Amino acid sequence: MDRLEIVTSHEQLLKPALQLISARGELEIAEAIAALSARYAFPTDPQAHRRGHASPPFSLVAAAFESLRIAGLVESKRPHLWSIRVAGQTLASTAPAEVTFDTLKQYQSYNEHWASVARDNRRHKFMDLRFEHYTGGRLLVLQGSHTAAAVLLAYSIEYHLKAALIEVDANWTAQERRLVESRHELRHLYRACVRHGLIRVTVSPWIFCTTQKITSGADTLGMRKR
């Protein structure tokens, strides 16, 4: 008896899942798991149910269909029931040698989805840094280290402005992209936020001049956390 191919990524299931649903029109995920289990060996996790997690076969097959859905090849008519779309039928009929993540990148909706995910991740990173510097600054205030506190609180402003600008990254100029990705210029960050309609309040230039001086000194002394 031939050994079954071991599934290590749902990418391996993209083509067989697409072929299955193309042949049937619509498919319950339980049916897909049963059919694919005859061809593939799935990892086992006896404790998955006890921990409240889905079994590996369910997780991998569901992930494969979700990737196909993101690319616009299938659609979910109700939970765990998938149906083929015209684009999916077209791809299945051309019988490509394999269907991979790179194959899905030819579809605009797939690229837009992952660009959105990357944008969210960047925004959350800036917000995490904002929170980290803000709480650190507040703690230093309580400890009486007001100069060091001012440095961290100033950086929290920077990260907050950068997180806001991530929302409009598609409209950035080249200068704004450099500003967010590698520069520390609070006044310019604030002005960029105003230009994009992200801030509707007026902030005194004096505040940014002061924070810029404080944090520039911190950069020189190597105090900035990255």
N, C-alpha and C. Protein backbone atom coordinates (compact mmCIF):
# COMPACT_ATOMS: atom_id res chain seq x y z
N MET A 1 0.85 -1.20 0.00
CA MET A 1 0.00 0.00 0.00
C MET A 1 0.88 1.24 0.00
N ASP A 2 0.57 2.20 -0.90
CA ASP A 2 1.38 3.42 -0.98
C ASP A 2 1.19 4.25 0.27
N ARG A 3 2.30 4.88 0.69
CA ARG A 3 2.22 5.76 1.85
C ARG A 3 1.52 7.05 1.45
N LEU A 4 0.69 7.55 2.36
CA LEU A 4 -0.02 8.79 2.08
C LEU A 4 0.91 9.98 2.26
N GLU A 5 0.70 10.98 1.44
CA GLU A 5 1.48 12.21 1.57
C GLU A 5 1.09 12.92 2.86
N ILE A 6 2.08 13.32 3.62
CA ILE A 6 1.83 13.98 4.90
C ILE A 6 1.57 15.46 4.66
N VAL A 7 0.49 15.98 5.21
CA VAL A 7 0.13 17.39 5.06
C VAL A 7 0.86 18.20 6.12
N THR A 8 1.67 19.13 5.68
CA THR A 8 2.37 20.02 6.62
C THR A 8 1.89 21.46 6.51
N SER A 9 1.14 21.77 5.46
CA SER A 9 0.62 23.12 5.25
C SER A 9 -0.66 23.02 4.43
N HIS A 10 -1.59 23.94 4.69
CA HIS A 10 -2.83 23.89 3.91
C HIS A 10 -2.59 24.27 2.45
N GLU A 11 -1.40 24.79 2.13
CA GLU A 11 -1.08 25.08 0.73
C GLU A 11 -1.13 23.80 -0.11
N GLN A 12 -0.76 22.66 0.49
CA GLN A 12 -0.80 21.38 -0.23
C GLN A 12 -2.22 20.99 -0.62
N LEU A 13 -3.20 21.52 0.08
CA LEU A 13 -4.59 21.12 -0.15
C LEU A 13 -5.32 22.05 -1.10
N LEU A 14 -4.68 23.12 -1.55
CA LEU A 14 -5.37 24.09 -2.40
C LEU A 14 -5.89 23.45 -3.69
N LYS A 15 -5.02 22.73 -4.40
CA LYS A 15 -5.44 22.13 -5.66
C LYS A 15 -6.46 21.02 -5.45
N PRO A 16 -6.19 20.03 -4.57
CA PRO A 16 -7.19 18.97 -4.39
C PRO A 16 -8.54 19.50 -3.88
N ALA A 17 -8.52 20.50 -3.01
CA ALA A 17 -9.77 21.07 -2.52
C ALA A 17 -10.52 21.75 -3.66
N LEU A 18 -9.79 22.48 -4.50
CA LEU A 18 -10.41 23.15 -5.65
C LEU A 18 -10.98 22.13 -6.63
N GLN A 19 -10.25 21.05 -6.87
CA GLN A 19 -10.74 20.02 -7.78
C GLN A 19 -12.00 19.34 -7.24
N LEU A 20 -12.01 19.07 -5.94
CA LEU A 20 -13.18 18.44 -5.32
C LEU A 20 -14.43 19.29 -5.49
N ILE A 21 -14.32 20.55 -5.13
CA ILE A 21 -15.50 21.41 -5.16
C ILE A 21 -15.89 21.74 -6.60
N SER A 22 -14.91 21.75 -7.49
CA SER A 22 -15.22 22.00 -8.90
C SER A 22 -16.04 20.85 -9.47
N ALA A 23 -15.73 19.63 -9.06
CA ALA A 23 -16.44 18.46 -9.56
C ALA A 23 -17.86 18.36 -9.01
N ARG A 24 -18.06 18.88 -7.79
CA ARG A 24 -19.36 18.71 -7.13
C ARG A 24 -20.21 19.98 -7.10
N GLY A 25 -19.63 21.11 -7.36
CA GLY A 25 -20.37 22.36 -7.33
C GLY A 25 -20.41 22.99 -5.95
N GLU A 26 -20.79 22.20 -4.95
CA GLU A 26 -20.73 22.64 -3.57
C GLU A 26 -20.35 21.46 -2.69
N LEU A 27 -19.84 21.78 -1.52
CA LEU A 27 -19.21 20.73 -0.72
C LEU A 27 -19.26 21.09 0.75
N GLU A 28 -19.67 20.14 1.56
CA GLU A 28 -19.57 20.28 3.01
C GLU A 28 -18.13 19.99 3.42
N ILE A 29 -17.65 20.69 4.44
CA ILE A 29 -16.26 20.50 4.83
C ILE A 29 -16.03 19.07 5.34
N ALA A 30 -17.04 18.46 5.95
CA ALA A 30 -16.89 17.08 6.42
C ALA A 30 -16.66 16.13 5.25
N GLU A 31 -17.36 16.40 4.13
CA GLU A 31 -17.16 15.58 2.93
C GLU A 31 -15.76 15.78 2.37
N ALA A 32 -15.29 17.01 2.39
CA ALA A 32 -13.95 17.29 1.89
C ALA A 32 -12.90 16.59 2.74
N ILE A 33 -13.07 16.63 4.06
CA ILE A 33 -12.11 15.96 4.95
C ILE A 33 -12.08 14.47 4.68
N ALA A 34 -13.25 13.85 4.51
CA ALA A 34 -13.32 12.42 4.25
C ALA A 34 -12.61 12.06 2.94
N ALA A 35 -12.85 12.87 1.90
CA ALA A 35 -12.24 12.60 0.60
C ALA A 35 -10.73 12.80 0.64
N LEU A 36 -10.31 13.87 1.28
CA LEU A 36 -8.87 14.18 1.31
C LEU A 36 -8.11 13.24 2.24
N SER A 37 -8.78 12.70 3.25
CA SER A 37 -8.12 11.77 4.17
C SER A 37 -7.73 10.47 3.48
N ALA A 38 -8.36 10.17 2.35
CA ALA A 38 -8.00 8.97 1.61
C ALA A 38 -6.70 9.17 0.83
N ARG A 39 -6.29 10.43 0.68
CA ARG A 39 -5.09 10.72 -0.11
C ARG A 39 -3.95 11.30 0.72
N TYR A 40 -4.31 11.87 1.88
CA TYR A 40 -3.29 12.56 2.68
C TYR A 40 -3.32 12.08 4.12
N ALA A 41 -2.16 12.13 4.75
CA ALA A 41 -2.04 11.83 6.18
C ALA A 41 -1.97 13.14 6.93
N PHE A 42 -2.92 13.38 7.83
CA PHE A 42 -2.96 14.61 8.59
C PHE A 42 -2.28 14.43 9.95
N PRO A 43 -1.69 15.49 10.49
CA PRO A 43 -1.12 15.41 11.83
C PRO A 43 -2.23 15.05 12.83
N THR A 44 -1.84 14.45 13.92
CA THR A 44 -2.82 14.09 14.95
C THR A 44 -2.59 14.93 16.19
N ASP A 45 -3.68 15.24 16.86
CA ASP A 45 -3.61 15.99 18.12
C ASP A 45 -4.75 15.50 19.01
N PRO A 46 -4.52 14.43 19.78
CA PRO A 46 -5.59 13.85 20.60
C PRO A 46 -6.18 14.82 21.61
N GLN A 47 -5.42 15.86 21.98
CA GLN A 47 -5.87 16.80 23.01
C GLN A 47 -6.58 18.02 22.43
N ALA A 48 -6.73 18.07 21.10
CA ALA A 48 -7.30 19.26 20.48
C ALA A 48 -8.71 19.54 20.99
N HIS A 49 -9.53 18.49 21.03
CA HIS A 49 -10.93 18.69 21.47
C HIS A 49 -10.97 19.13 22.93
N ARG A 50 -10.13 18.53 23.75
CA ARG A 50 -10.12 18.88 25.17
C ARG A 50 -9.72 20.33 25.37
N ARG A 51 -8.83 20.84 24.55
CA ARG A 51 -8.39 22.24 24.66
C ARG A 51 -9.33 23.20 23.94
N GLY A 52 -10.35 22.65 23.31
CA GLY A 52 -11.29 23.51 22.60
C GLY A 52 -10.81 23.91 21.22
N HIS A 53 -9.81 23.21 20.68
CA HIS A 53 -9.28 23.51 19.36
C HIS A 53 -9.89 22.57 18.33
N ALA A 54 -9.92 23.01 17.08
CA ALA A 54 -10.37 22.14 16.00
C ALA A 54 -9.30 21.10 15.72
N SER A 55 -9.72 19.95 15.21
CA SER A 55 -8.76 18.89 14.88
C SER A 55 -7.88 19.35 13.72
N PRO A 56 -6.65 18.82 13.60
CA PRO A 56 -5.78 19.22 12.48
C PRO A 56 -6.41 19.05 11.11
N PRO A 57 -7.11 17.93 10.81
CA PRO A 57 -7.72 17.84 9.47
C PRO A 57 -8.72 18.97 9.22
N PHE A 58 -9.56 19.25 10.19
CA PHE A 58 -10.55 20.33 10.02
C PHE A 58 -9.85 21.66 9.82
N SER A 59 -8.85 21.95 10.66
CA SER A 59 -8.15 23.24 10.58
C SER A 59 -7.49 23.43 9.22
N LEU A 60 -6.82 22.40 8.73
CA LEU A 60 -6.07 22.51 7.48
C LEU A 60 -7.01 22.61 6.28
N VAL A 61 -8.05 21.80 6.26
CA VAL A 61 -9.00 21.84 5.14
C VAL A 61 -9.76 23.16 5.15
N ALA A 62 -10.18 23.60 6.33
CA ALA A 62 -10.89 24.89 6.43
C ALA A 62 -9.99 26.04 5.98
N ALA A 63 -8.71 25.97 6.33
CA ALA A 63 -7.77 27.02 5.93
C ALA A 63 -7.59 27.04 4.42
N ALA A 64 -7.57 25.86 3.80
CA ALA A 64 -7.43 25.79 2.34
C ALA A 64 -8.63 26.44 1.66
N PHE A 65 -9.84 26.12 2.12
CA PHE A 65 -11.03 26.72 1.53
C PHE A 65 -11.09 28.22 1.81
N GLU A 66 -10.62 28.63 2.98
CA GLU A 66 -10.62 30.06 3.29
C GLU A 66 -9.68 30.82 2.36
N SER A 67 -8.52 30.24 2.05
CA SER A 67 -7.59 30.88 1.11
C SER A 67 -8.22 30.98 -0.28
N LEU A 68 -8.91 29.92 -0.69
CA LEU A 68 -9.61 29.95 -1.98
C LEU A 68 -10.72 31.00 -1.97
N ARG A 69 -11.39 31.15 -0.82
CA ARG A 69 -12.45 32.16 -0.72
C ARG A 69 -11.88 33.57 -0.83
N ILE A 70 -10.76 33.81 -0.14
CA ILE A 70 -10.13 35.13 -0.18
C ILE A 70 -9.76 35.51 -1.61
N ALA A 71 -9.34 34.51 -2.38
CA ALA A 71 -8.97 34.77 -3.78
C ALA A 71 -10.19 34.90 -4.69
N GLY A 72 -11.39 34.65 -4.14
CA GLY A 72 -12.61 34.78 -4.95
C GLY A 72 -12.92 33.55 -5.78
N LEU A 73 -12.33 32.39 -5.44
CA LEU A 73 -12.53 31.17 -6.22
C LEU A 73 -13.72 30.34 -5.71
N VAL A 74 -13.99 30.44 -4.42
CA VAL A 74 -15.15 29.76 -3.84
C VAL A 74 -15.87 30.75 -2.92
N GLU A 75 -17.06 30.37 -2.48
CA GLU A 75 -17.78 31.20 -1.53
C GLU A 75 -18.42 30.31 -0.48
N SER A 76 -18.65 30.88 0.69
CA SER A 76 -19.27 30.16 1.78
C SER A 76 -20.75 30.50 1.82
N LYS A 77 -21.61 29.51 1.53
CA LYS A 77 -23.04 29.76 1.49
C LYS A 77 -23.64 29.73 2.90
N ARG A 78 -23.07 28.93 3.76
CA ARG A 78 -23.40 28.88 5.18
C ARG A 78 -22.22 28.22 5.87
N PRO A 79 -22.15 28.22 7.21
CA PRO A 79 -20.99 27.64 7.89
C PRO A 79 -20.68 26.22 7.43
N HIS A 80 -19.44 26.04 7.00
CA HIS A 80 -18.92 24.73 6.60
C HIS A 80 -19.49 24.20 5.28
N LEU A 81 -20.18 25.04 4.52
CA LEU A 81 -20.65 24.65 3.19
C LEU A 81 -20.07 25.62 2.17
N TRP A 82 -19.31 25.08 1.21
CA TRP A 82 -18.64 25.90 0.22
C TRP A 82 -19.18 25.61 -1.16
N SER A 83 -19.19 26.62 -2.01
CA SER A 83 -19.61 26.43 -3.40
C SER A 83 -18.59 27.08 -4.33
N ILE A 84 -18.49 26.53 -5.53
CA ILE A 84 -17.51 27.00 -6.51
C ILE A 84 -18.01 28.30 -7.16
N ARG A 85 -17.10 29.18 -7.50
CA ARG A 85 -17.42 30.39 -8.23
C ARG A 85 -16.84 30.27 -9.64
N VAL A 86 -17.23 31.19 -10.50
CA VAL A 86 -16.81 31.11 -11.91
C VAL A 86 -15.28 31.12 -12.02
N ALA A 87 -14.62 32.00 -11.27
CA ALA A 87 -13.16 32.07 -11.34
C ALA A 87 -12.52 30.77 -10.89
N GLY A 88 -13.12 30.13 -9.87
CA GLY A 88 -12.59 28.85 -9.39
C GLY A 88 -12.79 27.75 -10.42
N GLN A 89 -13.95 27.75 -11.06
CA GLN A 89 -14.21 26.75 -12.11
C GLN A 89 -13.23 26.93 -13.26
N THR A 90 -12.95 28.17 -13.59
CA THR A 90 -12.01 28.45 -14.68
C THR A 90 -10.62 27.95 -14.34
N LEU A 91 -10.17 28.23 -13.11
CA LEU A 91 -8.83 27.78 -12.71
C LEU A 91 -8.76 26.26 -12.68
N ALA A 92 -9.79 25.62 -12.15
CA ALA A 92 -9.79 24.16 -12.07
C ALA A 92 -9.78 23.53 -13.46
N SER A 93 -10.47 24.15 -14.41
CA SER A 93 -10.56 23.57 -15.76
C SER A 93 -9.27 23.70 -16.54
N THR A 94 -8.42 24.64 -16.16
CA THR A 94 -7.15 24.80 -16.86
C THR A 94 -6.12 23.78 -16.39
N ALA A 95 -6.44 23.05 -15.32
CA ALA A 95 -5.59 21.98 -14.80
C ALA A 95 -4.13 22.40 -14.63
N PRO A 96 -3.86 23.42 -13.78
CA PRO A 96 -2.46 23.79 -13.53
C PRO A 96 -1.72 22.66 -12.82
N ALA A 97 -0.41 22.63 -13.00
CA ALA A 97 0.39 21.58 -12.36
C ALA A 97 0.21 21.59 -10.85
N GLU A 98 0.10 22.78 -10.30
CA GLU A 98 -0.14 22.93 -8.86
C GLU A 98 -0.79 24.27 -8.61
N VAL A 99 -1.48 24.34 -7.48
CA VAL A 99 -2.08 25.60 -7.04
C VAL A 99 -1.41 25.96 -5.72
N THR A 100 -0.71 27.07 -5.70
CA THR A 100 0.04 27.48 -4.52
C THR A 100 -0.41 28.89 -4.11
N PHE A 101 0.20 29.38 -3.04
CA PHE A 101 -0.09 30.75 -2.64
C PHE A 101 0.29 31.72 -3.75
N ASP A 102 1.36 31.41 -4.47
CA ASP A 102 1.77 32.29 -5.58
C ASP A 102 0.69 32.31 -6.68
N THR A 103 0.04 31.17 -6.89
CA THR A 103 -1.05 31.11 -7.86
C THR A 103 -2.17 32.06 -7.47
N LEU A 104 -2.49 32.08 -6.18
CA LEU A 104 -3.59 32.92 -5.69
C LEU A 104 -3.27 34.41 -5.78
N LYS A 105 -1.98 34.74 -5.87
CA LYS A 105 -1.59 36.14 -5.93
C LYS A 105 -1.98 36.81 -7.24
N GLN A 106 -2.44 36.03 -8.21
CA GLN A 106 -2.90 36.64 -9.47
C GLN A 106 -4.29 37.25 -9.31
N TYR A 107 -4.92 37.00 -8.17
CA TYR A 107 -6.26 37.51 -7.92
C TYR A 107 -6.20 38.72 -7.01
N GLN A 108 -6.83 39.80 -7.44
CA GLN A 108 -6.75 41.08 -6.74
C GLN A 108 -7.26 41.00 -5.31
N SER A 109 -8.36 40.30 -5.09
CA SER A 109 -8.94 40.23 -3.75
C SER A 109 -7.98 39.55 -2.76
N TYR A 110 -7.21 38.60 -3.25
CA TYR A 110 -6.24 37.91 -2.38
C TYR A 110 -5.14 38.88 -1.95
N ASN A 111 -4.62 39.64 -2.89
CA ASN A 111 -3.57 40.61 -2.57
C ASN A 111 -4.09 41.72 -1.67
N GLU A 112 -5.31 42.17 -1.94
CA GLU A 112 -5.89 43.23 -1.11
C GLU A 112 -6.10 42.76 0.32
N HIS A 113 -6.51 41.51 0.48
CA HIS A 113 -6.73 40.96 1.83
C HIS A 113 -5.44 40.96 2.62
N TRP A 114 -4.37 40.43 2.03
CA TRP A 114 -3.11 40.33 2.79
C TRP A 114 -2.43 41.67 2.95
N ALA A 115 -2.68 42.60 2.02
CA ALA A 115 -2.18 43.97 2.23
C ALA A 115 -2.88 44.60 3.42
N SER A 116 -4.18 44.32 3.56
CA SER A 116 -4.94 44.83 4.70
C SER A 116 -4.43 44.22 6.01
N VAL A 117 -4.14 42.93 5.99
CA VAL A 117 -3.61 42.27 7.18
C VAL A 117 -2.25 42.86 7.57
N ALA A 118 -1.40 43.08 6.57
CA ALA A 118 -0.08 43.66 6.85
C ALA A 118 -0.22 45.08 7.42
N ARG A 119 -1.18 45.83 6.88
CA ARG A 119 -1.43 47.18 7.36
C ARG A 119 -1.91 47.16 8.82
N ASP A 120 -2.81 46.24 9.12
CA ASP A 120 -3.30 46.12 10.50
C ASP A 120 -2.17 45.74 11.45
N ASN A 121 -1.30 44.84 11.00
CA ASN A 121 -0.20 44.41 11.85
C ASN A 121 0.75 45.56 12.15
N ARG A 122 1.00 46.38 11.14
CA ARG A 122 1.89 47.54 11.35
C ARG A 122 1.25 48.55 12.29
N ARG A 123 -0.05 48.77 12.11
CA ARG A 123 -0.74 49.71 12.98
C ARG A 123 -0.71 49.21 14.43
N HIS A 124 -0.97 47.93 14.62
CA HIS A 124 -0.96 47.37 15.98
C HIS A 124 0.44 47.44 16.59
N LYS A 125 1.46 47.26 15.75
CA LYS A 125 2.83 47.37 16.26
C LYS A 125 3.09 48.77 16.80
N PHE A 126 2.69 49.79 16.03
CA PHE A 126 2.87 51.17 16.49
C PHE A 126 2.05 51.45 17.75
N MET A 127 0.83 50.92 17.82
CA MET A 127 0.01 51.14 18.99
C MET A 127 0.58 50.44 20.22
N ASP A 128 1.16 49.26 20.01
CA ASP A 128 1.82 48.56 21.13
C ASP A 128 3.01 49.38 21.64
N LEU A 129 3.78 49.93 20.70
CA LEU A 129 4.92 50.76 21.10
C LEU A 129 4.44 52.03 21.81
N ARG A 130 3.35 52.59 21.31
CA ARG A 130 2.78 53.77 21.96
C ARG A 130 2.40 53.45 23.40
N PHE A 131 1.72 52.34 23.62
CA PHE A 131 1.30 51.96 24.97
C PHE A 131 2.51 51.68 25.87
N GLU A 132 3.50 50.99 25.29
CA GLU A 132 4.70 50.66 26.06
C GLU A 132 5.43 51.93 26.53
N HIS A 133 5.60 52.88 25.62
CA HIS A 133 6.29 54.12 25.99
C HIS A 133 5.45 54.99 26.91
N TYR A 134 4.14 55.01 26.69
CA TYR A 134 3.27 55.83 27.53
C TYR A 134 3.26 55.30 28.97
N THR A 135 3.07 54.00 29.14
CA THR A 135 3.05 53.45 30.50
C THR A 135 4.41 53.59 31.17
N GLY A 136 5.48 53.42 30.38
CA GLY A 136 6.81 53.61 30.94
C GLY A 136 7.02 55.05 31.39
N GLY A 137 6.53 55.99 30.59
CA GLY A 137 6.66 57.41 30.94
C GLY A 137 5.87 57.76 32.19
N ARG A 138 4.66 57.23 32.29
CA ARG A 138 3.84 57.49 33.48
C ARG A 138 4.51 56.94 34.74
N LEU A 139 5.11 55.77 34.62
CA LEU A 139 5.80 55.17 35.77
C LEU A 139 6.99 56.02 36.20
N LEU A 140 7.73 56.55 35.22
CA LEU A 140 8.88 57.39 35.54
C LEU A 140 8.45 58.70 36.19
N VAL A 141 7.28 59.22 35.80
CA VAL A 141 6.75 60.42 36.46
C VAL A 141 6.53 60.15 37.94
N LEU A 142 5.93 59.00 38.24
CA LEU A 142 5.67 58.65 39.63
C LEU A 142 6.96 58.46 40.43
N GLN A 143 8.02 58.07 39.72
CA GLN A 143 9.30 57.86 40.37
C GLN A 143 10.14 59.13 40.45
N GLY A 144 9.62 60.21 39.86
CA GLY A 144 10.32 61.48 39.91
C GLY A 144 11.33 61.70 38.82
N SER A 145 11.42 60.78 37.85
CA SER A 145 12.38 60.92 36.75
C SER A 145 11.70 61.65 35.59
N HIS A 146 11.51 62.93 35.76
CA HIS A 146 10.68 63.67 34.83
C HIS A 146 11.31 63.84 33.45
N THR A 147 12.62 63.99 33.38
CA THR A 147 13.26 64.15 32.07
C THR A 147 13.15 62.88 31.25
N ALA A 148 13.46 61.74 31.89
CA ALA A 148 13.34 60.46 31.18
C ALA A 148 11.88 60.19 30.82
N ALA A 149 10.96 60.58 31.72
CA ALA A 149 9.54 60.38 31.45
C ALA A 149 9.12 61.16 30.22
N ALA A 150 9.62 62.38 30.09
CA ALA A 150 9.26 63.22 28.94
C ALA A 150 9.71 62.57 27.63
N VAL A 151 10.86 61.91 27.67
CA VAL A 151 11.36 61.23 26.47
C VAL A 151 10.39 60.15 26.03
N LEU A 152 10.01 59.28 26.98
CA LEU A 152 9.12 58.18 26.63
C LEU A 152 7.74 58.67 26.21
N LEU A 153 7.23 59.69 26.89
CA LEU A 153 5.92 60.21 26.53
C LEU A 153 5.95 60.88 25.16
N ALA A 154 7.06 61.51 24.82
CA ALA A 154 7.19 62.11 23.49
C ALA A 154 7.19 61.04 22.41
N TYR A 155 7.87 59.93 22.68
CA TYR A 155 7.87 58.84 21.70
C TYR A 155 6.49 58.21 21.57
N SER A 156 5.72 58.20 22.66
CA SER A 156 4.37 57.66 22.56
C SER A 156 3.53 58.50 21.59
N ILE A 157 3.77 59.80 21.55
CA ILE A 157 3.08 60.67 20.60
C ILE A 157 3.48 60.29 19.17
N GLU A 158 4.76 60.09 18.97
CA GLU A 158 5.24 59.73 17.64
C GLU A 158 4.56 58.45 17.14
N TYR A 159 4.54 57.42 17.97
CA TYR A 159 3.98 56.15 17.54
C TYR A 159 2.47 56.25 17.33
N HIS A 160 1.81 57.09 18.09
CA HIS A 160 0.37 57.27 17.90
C HIS A 160 0.11 57.92 16.54
N LEU A 161 0.89 58.92 16.18
CA LEU A 161 0.72 59.58 14.89
C LEU A 161 1.02 58.62 13.74
N LYS A 162 2.05 57.81 13.90
CA LYS A 162 2.40 56.85 12.85
C LYS A 162 1.32 55.79 12.69
N ALA A 163 0.75 55.35 13.81
CA ALA A 163 -0.35 54.37 13.73
C ALA A 163 -1.53 54.96 12.97
N ALA A 164 -1.81 56.23 13.20
CA ALA A 164 -2.91 56.89 12.49
C ALA A 164 -2.63 56.96 10.99
N LEU A 165 -1.40 57.26 10.62
CA LEU A 165 -1.05 57.41 9.21
C LEU A 165 -1.10 56.08 8.45
N ILE A 166 -0.95 54.96 9.16
CA ILE A 166 -1.05 53.67 8.51
C ILE A 166 -2.41 53.51 7.82
N GLU A 167 -3.43 54.15 8.37
CA GLU A 167 -4.78 54.05 7.82
C GLU A 167 -4.87 54.56 6.38
N VAL A 168 -3.96 55.45 6.01
CA VAL A 168 -4.03 56.06 4.67
C VAL A 168 -2.75 55.80 3.89
N ASP A 169 -2.10 54.67 4.15
CA ASP A 169 -0.80 54.41 3.52
C ASP A 169 -0.88 54.36 2.00
N ALA A 170 -2.05 54.03 1.46
CA ALA A 170 -2.19 53.99 0.00
C ALA A 170 -2.05 55.38 -0.61
N ASN A 171 -2.25 56.42 0.19
CA ASN A 171 -2.20 57.79 -0.33
C ASN A 171 -0.92 58.53 0.08
N TRP A 172 0.04 57.82 0.64
CA TRP A 172 1.28 58.46 1.05
C TRP A 172 2.07 58.96 -0.14
N THR A 173 2.75 60.07 0.08
CA THR A 173 3.79 60.48 -0.87
C THR A 173 5.07 59.73 -0.49
N ALA A 174 6.07 59.80 -1.35
CA ALA A 174 7.35 59.14 -1.04
C ALA A 174 7.96 59.73 0.22
N GLN A 175 7.80 61.03 0.41
CA GLN A 175 8.33 61.70 1.59
C GLN A 175 7.61 61.21 2.86
N GLU A 176 6.30 61.04 2.77
CA GLU A 176 5.54 60.56 3.93
C GLU A 176 5.89 59.12 4.26
N ARG A 177 6.15 58.31 3.25
CA ARG A 177 6.54 56.93 3.51
C ARG A 177 7.86 56.88 4.28
N ARG A 178 8.82 57.70 3.86
CA ARG A 178 10.10 57.75 4.59
C ARG A 178 9.87 58.27 6.01
N LEU A 179 8.97 59.21 6.14
CA LEU A 179 8.68 59.81 7.44
C LEU A 179 8.16 58.77 8.42
N VAL A 180 7.24 57.92 7.97
CA VAL A 180 6.66 56.91 8.85
C VAL A 180 7.62 55.76 9.10
N GLU A 181 8.33 55.37 8.07
CA GLU A 181 9.14 54.16 8.17
C GLU A 181 10.50 54.37 8.81
N SER A 182 11.06 55.56 8.70
CA SER A 182 12.43 55.68 9.19
C SER A 182 12.79 57.03 9.79
N ARG A 183 11.83 57.93 9.91
CA ARG A 183 12.17 59.26 10.41
C ARG A 183 11.48 59.53 11.75
N HIS A 184 12.09 60.50 12.48
CA HIS A 184 11.51 60.91 13.75
C HIS A 184 11.34 62.43 13.73
N GLU A 185 10.23 62.88 13.16
CA GLU A 185 9.98 64.31 13.03
C GLU A 185 8.52 64.56 13.38
N LEU A 186 8.29 64.89 14.63
CA LEU A 186 6.92 65.02 15.13
C LEU A 186 6.10 66.08 14.39
N ARG A 187 6.73 67.22 14.12
CA ARG A 187 5.98 68.28 13.44
C ARG A 187 5.50 67.83 12.07
N HIS A 188 6.38 67.14 11.34
CA HIS A 188 5.99 66.66 10.00
C HIS A 188 4.96 65.55 10.10
N LEU A 189 5.08 64.70 11.11
CA LEU A 189 4.07 63.66 11.29
C LEU A 189 2.70 64.27 11.57
N TYR A 190 2.69 65.26 12.43
CA TYR A 190 1.43 65.95 12.77
C TYR A 190 0.83 66.61 11.52
N ARG A 191 1.66 67.29 10.75
CA ARG A 191 1.17 67.96 9.53
C ARG A 191 0.63 66.95 8.51
N ALA A 192 1.30 65.80 8.43
CA ALA A 192 0.83 64.76 7.51
C ALA A 192 -0.55 64.25 7.95
N CYS A 193 -0.72 64.07 9.26
CA CYS A 193 -2.02 63.64 9.78
C CYS A 193 -3.11 64.67 9.47
N VAL A 194 -2.78 65.94 9.60
CA VAL A 194 -3.74 67.00 9.29
C VAL A 194 -4.09 66.98 7.80
N ARG A 195 -3.08 66.82 6.94
CA ARG A 195 -3.30 66.81 5.49
C ARG A 195 -4.27 65.69 5.09
N HIS A 196 -4.15 64.56 5.76
CA HIS A 196 -4.99 63.40 5.40
C HIS A 196 -6.31 63.38 6.18
N GLY A 197 -6.59 64.43 6.92
CA GLY A 197 -7.85 64.52 7.65
C GLY A 197 -7.95 63.59 8.84
N LEU A 198 -6.80 63.20 9.38
CA LEU A 198 -6.80 62.28 10.52
C LEU A 198 -6.88 63.02 11.86
N ILE A 199 -6.55 64.30 11.84
CA ILE A 199 -6.60 65.11 13.05
C ILE A 199 -7.36 66.40 12.72
N ARG A 200 -8.31 66.74 13.57
CA ARG A 200 -9.11 67.95 13.33
C ARG A 200 -9.00 68.93 14.48
N VAL A 201 -7.94 68.82 15.24
CA VAL A 201 -7.69 69.77 16.33
C VAL A 201 -6.35 70.45 16.07
N THR A 202 -6.22 71.65 16.57
CA THR A 202 -4.98 72.40 16.40
C THR A 202 -4.09 72.18 17.61
N VAL A 203 -2.86 71.80 17.33
CA VAL A 203 -1.87 71.59 18.39
C VAL A 203 -0.80 72.66 18.27
N SER A 204 -0.44 73.25 19.36
CA SER A 204 0.57 74.31 19.35
C SER A 204 1.90 73.78 18.83
N PRO A 205 2.52 74.50 17.88
CA PRO A 205 3.84 74.10 17.39
C PRO A 205 4.87 74.01 18.51
N TRP A 206 4.65 74.78 19.57
CA TRP A 206 5.59 74.77 20.69
C TRP A 206 5.72 73.38 21.29
N ILE A 207 4.60 72.64 21.36
CA ILE A 207 4.63 71.29 21.92
C ILE A 207 5.55 70.39 21.12
N PHE A 208 5.43 70.47 19.79
CA PHE A 208 6.25 69.61 18.94
C PHE A 208 7.71 70.04 18.93
N CYS A 209 7.94 71.33 19.01
CA CYS A 209 9.32 71.81 19.09
C CYS A 209 9.99 71.28 20.35
N THR A 210 9.24 71.33 21.45
CA THR A 210 9.79 70.88 22.73
C THR A 210 10.04 69.38 22.72
N THR A 211 9.06 68.61 22.28
CA THR A 211 9.23 67.15 22.26
C THR A 211 10.31 66.73 21.28
N GLN A 212 10.43 67.47 20.18
CA GLN A 212 11.46 67.15 19.21
C GLN A 212 12.85 67.32 19.82
N LYS A 213 13.03 68.40 20.58
CA LYS A 213 14.32 68.63 21.23
C LYS A 213 14.62 67.55 22.26
N ILE A 214 13.59 67.17 23.03
CA ILE A 214 13.78 66.16 24.07
C ILE A 214 14.19 64.83 23.47
N THR A 215 13.44 64.39 22.46
CA THR A 215 13.71 63.08 21.88
C THR A 215 14.96 63.08 21.02
N SER A 216 15.30 64.21 20.42
CA SER A 216 16.56 64.29 19.67
C SER A 216 17.73 64.10 20.61
N GLY A 217 17.63 64.67 21.78
CA GLY A 217 18.68 64.46 22.77
C GLY A 217 18.75 63.03 23.22
N ALA A 218 17.60 62.38 23.33
CA ALA A 218 17.57 60.98 23.73
C ALA A 218 18.21 60.10 22.65
N ASP A 219 17.97 60.42 21.36
CA ASP A 219 18.61 59.67 20.29
C ASP A 219 20.12 59.78 20.40
N THR A 220 20.60 60.98 20.69
CA THR A 220 22.04 61.19 20.79
C THR A 220 22.64 60.38 21.93
N LEU A 221 21.88 60.24 23.02
CA LEU A 221 22.37 59.51 24.17
C LEU A 221 22.06 58.01 24.10
N GLY A 222 21.40 57.59 23.02
CA GLY A 222 21.09 56.19 22.87
C GLY A 222 20.00 55.70 23.79
N MET A 223 19.07 56.59 24.18
CA MET A 223 18.02 56.22 25.11
C MET A 223 16.80 55.63 24.43
N ARG A 224 16.69 55.76 23.14
CA ARG A 224 15.46 55.36 22.47
C ARG A 224 15.35 53.83 22.41
N LYS A 225 14.14 53.33 22.71
CA LYS A 225 13.87 51.91 22.61
C LYS A 225 13.36 51.62 21.20
N ARG A 226 13.83 50.52 20.64
CA ARG A 226 13.39 50.16 19.28
C ARG A 226 12.82 48.75 19.30
